[in-house]
Amino acid sequence: QVQLVESGGGLVQPGGSLRLSCAASGSIFQIHVMGWYRQAPGKPRELVARIIVGGSTNYADSVKGRFTISRDNAKNTVYLQMNSLKPEDTAVYYCNSILSGAGGYGMDYWGKGTLVTVSS
């Protein structure tokens, strides 16, 4: 069984910063992709950023230059540093991973989400 556990959400003022963390645990052989998605009320879930094995990254246009994704392979942990936050960044942020483990090859896993609220 694989679990993704997020932390680091909360309330922040516009222009502020937050750092999200997501740790993957369980029977994991190899992590292929780790990333962050978000879902605002009434909107579909969207990709925020992801990092692929080897280190290449993808970002949503709306967060480029403000958010940075990084990964600690030894800890199976991915981070999302969010700077210059805007009210429109308010959403539930979900950790996602595509990995191979006891459950199979290339399986898709999700965390339960952490709420980020940007408001004055």
C-alpha atoms as a PDB file:
ATOM      1  CA  GLN A   1       0.000   0.000   0.000  1.00  0.00           C
ATOM      2  CA  VAL A   2       1.291   3.445  -0.956  1.00  0.00           C
ATOM      3  CA  GLN A   3       0.362   6.645   0.822  1.00  0.00           C
ATOM      4  CA  LEU A   4       0.970  10.260  -0.095  1.00  0.00           C
ATOM      5  CA  VAL A   5       0.791  12.649   2.838  1.00  0.00           C
ATOM      6  CA  GLU A   6       0.735  16.409   2.224  1.00  0.00           C
ATOM      7  CA  SER A   7       1.562  19.168   4.666  1.00  0.00           C
ATOM      8  CA  GLY A   8       2.167  22.893   4.662  1.00  0.00           C
ATOM      9  CA  GLY A   9      -1.129  24.413   3.605  1.00  0.00           C
ATOM     10  CA  GLY A  10      -2.755  27.295   5.416  1.00  0.00           C
ATOM     11  CA  LEU A  11      -3.830  30.909   5.279  1.00  0.00           C
ATOM     12  CA  VAL A  12      -1.455  33.479   3.823  1.00  0.00           C
ATOM     13  CA  GLN A  13      -1.785  37.099   2.739  1.00  0.00           C
ATOM     14  CA  PRO A  14      -1.422  38.103  -0.898  1.00  0.00           C
ATOM     15  CA  GLY A  15       2.250  38.381  -1.780  1.00  0.00           C
ATOM     16  CA  GLY A  16       3.203  35.868   0.860  1.00  0.00           C
ATOM     17  CA  SER A  17       4.831  32.453   0.610  1.00  0.00           C
ATOM     18  CA  LEU A  18       4.067  28.892   1.571  1.00  0.00           C
ATOM     19  CA  ARG A  19       5.918  25.622   1.162  1.00  0.00           C
ATOM     20  CA  LEU A  20       4.018  22.412   0.599  1.00  0.00           C
ATOM     21  CA  SER A  21       5.520  18.990   1.229  1.00  0.00           C
ATOM     22  CA  CYS A  22       4.376  15.546   0.143  1.00  0.00           C
ATOM     23  CA  ALA A  23       5.958  12.335   1.348  1.00  0.00           C
ATOM     24  CA  ALA A  24       5.344   9.018  -0.366  1.00  0.00           C
ATOM     25  CA  SER A  25       5.559   5.892   1.746  1.00  0.00           C
ATOM     26  CA  GLY A  26       4.897   2.193   1.381  1.00  0.00           C
ATOM     27  CA  SER A  27       6.119  -0.494  -0.947  1.00  0.00           C
ATOM     28  CA  ILE A  28       7.735   1.669  -3.631  1.00  0.00           C
ATOM     29  CA  PHE A  29      10.226   0.438  -6.193  1.00  0.00           C
ATOM     30  CA  GLN A  30      10.577   3.551  -8.295  1.00  0.00           C
ATOM     31  CA  ILE A  31       8.882   6.938  -8.483  1.00  0.00           C
ATOM     32  CA  HIS A  32       8.452   8.110 -12.064  1.00  0.00           C
ATOM     33  CA  VAL A  33       6.638  11.407 -11.524  1.00  0.00           C
ATOM     34  CA  MET A  34       5.681  13.507  -8.522  1.00  0.00           C
ATOM     35  CA  GLY A  35       3.610  16.598  -8.799  1.00  0.00           C
ATOM     36  CA  TRP A  36       0.988  18.971  -7.500  1.00  0.00           C
ATOM     37  CA  TYR A  37      -2.496  19.633  -8.758  1.00  0.00           C
ATOM     38  CA  ARG A  38      -5.049  22.054  -7.395  1.00  0.00           C
ATOM     39  CA  GLN A  39      -8.790  22.451  -7.426  1.00  0.00           C
ATOM     40  CA  ALA A  40     -10.575  25.692  -6.664  1.00  0.00           C
ATOM     41  CA  PRO A  41     -14.293  25.738  -5.814  1.00  0.00           C
ATOM     42  CA  GLY A  42     -16.383  25.197  -8.929  1.00  0.00           C
ATOM     43  CA  LYS A  43     -13.372  24.544 -11.131  1.00  0.00           C
ATOM     44  CA  PRO A  44     -11.776  21.376 -12.465  1.00  0.00           C
ATOM     45  CA  ARG A  45      -8.578  19.996 -11.020  1.00  0.00           C
ATOM     46  CA  GLU A  46      -5.537  21.380 -12.812  1.00  0.00           C
ATOM     47  CA  LEU A  47      -1.846  20.625 -12.948  1.00  0.00           C
ATOM     48  CA  VAL A  48       0.288  23.089 -11.024  1.00  0.00           C
ATOM     49  CA  ALA A  49       3.743  21.558 -11.375  1.00  0.00           C
ATOM     50  CA  ARG A  50       5.378  18.188 -11.746  1.00  0.00           C
ATOM     51  CA  ILE A  51       8.856  16.765 -11.672  1.00  0.00           C
ATOM     52  CA  ILE A  52       9.826  13.703 -13.654  1.00  0.00           C
ATOM     53  CA  VAL A  53      12.510  11.142 -12.868  1.00  0.00           C
ATOM     54  CA  GLY A  54      15.713  12.691 -14.127  1.00  0.00           C
ATOM     55  CA  GLY A  55      14.689  16.091 -12.872  1.00  0.00           C
ATOM     56  CA  SER A  56      12.769  17.751 -15.686  1.00  0.00           C
ATOM     57  CA  THR A  57       9.881  19.929 -14.581  1.00  0.00           C
ATOM     58  CA  ASN A  58       6.612  21.279 -15.956  1.00  0.00           C
ATOM     59  CA  TYR A  59       4.636  24.245 -14.645  1.00  0.00           C
ATOM     60  CA  ALA A  60       1.256  25.726 -15.321  1.00  0.00           C
ATOM     61  CA  ASP A  61       1.623  29.085 -17.064  1.00  0.00           C
ATOM     62  CA  SER A  62      -0.191  30.771 -14.186  1.00  0.00           C
ATOM     63  CA  VAL A  63       2.519  29.826 -11.662  1.00  0.00           C
ATOM     64  CA  LYS A  64       5.695  30.094 -13.742  1.00  0.00           C
ATOM     65  CA  GLY A  65       8.227  32.342 -12.053  1.00  0.00           C
ATOM     66  CA  ARG A  66       6.403  32.171  -8.717  1.00  0.00           C
ATOM     67  CA  PHE A  67       6.319  28.479  -7.800  1.00  0.00           C
ATOM     68  CA  THR A  68       9.214  26.034  -7.679  1.00  0.00           C
ATOM     69  CA  ILE A  69       8.921  22.270  -7.452  1.00  0.00           C
ATOM     70  CA  SER A  70      11.743  20.165  -6.059  1.00  0.00           C
ATOM     71  CA  ARG A  71      12.262  16.616  -4.925  1.00  0.00           C
ATOM     72  CA  ASP A  72      14.283  14.732  -2.347  1.00  0.00           C
ATOM     73  CA  ASN A  73      14.720  11.280  -3.861  1.00  0.00           C
ATOM     74  CA  ALA A  74      16.182   9.798  -0.685  1.00  0.00           C
ATOM     75  CA  LYS A  75      13.046  10.766   1.228  1.00  0.00           C
ATOM     76  CA  ASN A  76      10.522  10.145  -1.591  1.00  0.00           C
ATOM     77  CA  THR A  77       9.347  13.677  -0.930  1.00  0.00           C
ATOM     78  CA  VAL A  78       8.312  16.477  -3.251  1.00  0.00           C
ATOM     79  CA  TYR A  79       8.100  20.143  -2.310  1.00  0.00           C
ATOM     80  CA  LEU A  80       6.284  23.094  -3.793  1.00  0.00           C
ATOM     81  CA  GLN A  81       7.671  26.490  -2.862  1.00  0.00           C
ATOM     82  CA  MET A  82       4.991  29.069  -3.569  1.00  0.00           C
ATOM     83  CA  ASN A  83       5.995  32.743  -3.626  1.00  0.00           C
ATOM     84  CA  SER A  84       4.126  35.908  -4.530  1.00  0.00           C
ATOM     85  CA  LEU A  85       0.847  34.189  -3.803  1.00  0.00           C
ATOM     86  CA  LYS A  86      -2.336  35.616  -5.260  1.00  0.00           C
ATOM     87  CA  PRO A  87      -5.976  35.179  -4.199  1.00  0.00           C
ATOM     88  CA  GLU A  88      -6.525  33.137  -7.349  1.00  0.00           C
ATOM     89  CA  ASP A  89      -4.051  30.561  -6.007  1.00  0.00           C
ATOM     90  CA  THR A  90      -6.614  29.654  -3.361  1.00  0.00           C
ATOM     91  CA  ALA A  91      -7.468  25.981  -3.783  1.00  0.00           C
ATOM     92  CA  VAL A  92      -7.054  22.522  -2.365  1.00  0.00           C
ATOM     93  CA  TYR A  93      -3.640  21.303  -3.452  1.00  0.00           C
ATOM     94  CA  TYR A  94      -3.251  17.598  -4.145  1.00  0.00           C
ATOM     95  CA  CYS A  95      -0.059  15.623  -4.346  1.00  0.00           C
ATOM     96  CA  ASN A  96       0.148  13.113  -7.161  1.00  0.00           C
ATOM     97  CA  SER A  97       2.641  10.403  -7.970  1.00  0.00           C
ATOM     98  CA  ILE A  98       3.054   7.869 -10.733  1.00  0.00           C
ATOM     99  CA  LEU A  99       5.187   5.081  -9.397  1.00  0.00           C
ATOM    100  CA  SER A 100       5.967   1.407  -9.501  1.00  0.00           C
ATOM    101  CA  GLY A 101       5.635  -0.689  -6.402  1.00  0.00           C
ATOM    102  CA  ALA A 102       4.014  -3.755  -4.977  1.00  0.00           C
ATOM    103  CA  GLY A 103       0.710  -2.539  -6.428  1.00  0.00           C
ATOM    104  CA  GLY A 104       1.964  -2.626  -9.994  1.00  0.00           C
ATOM    105  CA  TYR A 105       3.898  -0.691 -12.600  1.00  0.00           C
ATOM    106  CA  GLY A 106       3.101   2.934 -13.331  1.00  0.00           C
ATOM    107  CA  MET A 107       0.308   3.261 -10.800  1.00  0.00           C
ATOM    108  CA  ASP A 108      -1.313   6.637 -10.115  1.00  0.00           C
ATOM    109  CA  TYR A 109      -1.659   7.760  -6.481  1.00  0.00           C
ATOM    110  CA  TRP A 110      -3.183  10.842  -4.860  1.00  0.00           C
ATOM    111  CA  GLY A 111      -2.926  12.506  -1.505  1.00  0.00           C
ATOM    112  CA  LYS A 112      -5.978  13.741   0.382  1.00  0.00           C
ATOM    113  CA  GLY A 113      -5.198  17.385  -0.300  1.00  0.00           C
ATOM    114  CA  THR A 114      -4.181  20.430   1.685  1.00  0.00           C
ATOM    115  CA  LEU A 115      -6.037  23.738   1.615  1.00  0.00           C
ATOM    116  CA  VAL A 116      -4.216  26.919   0.622  1.00  0.00           C
ATOM    117  CA  THR A 117      -6.098  30.155   1.208  1.00  0.00           C
ATOM    118  CA  VAL A 118      -4.672  33.449  -0.006  1.00  0.00           C
ATOM    119  CA  SER A 119      -6.583  36.318   1.534  1.00  0.00           C
ATOM    120  CA  SER A 120      -6.067  39.550   3.384  1.00  0.00           C
END
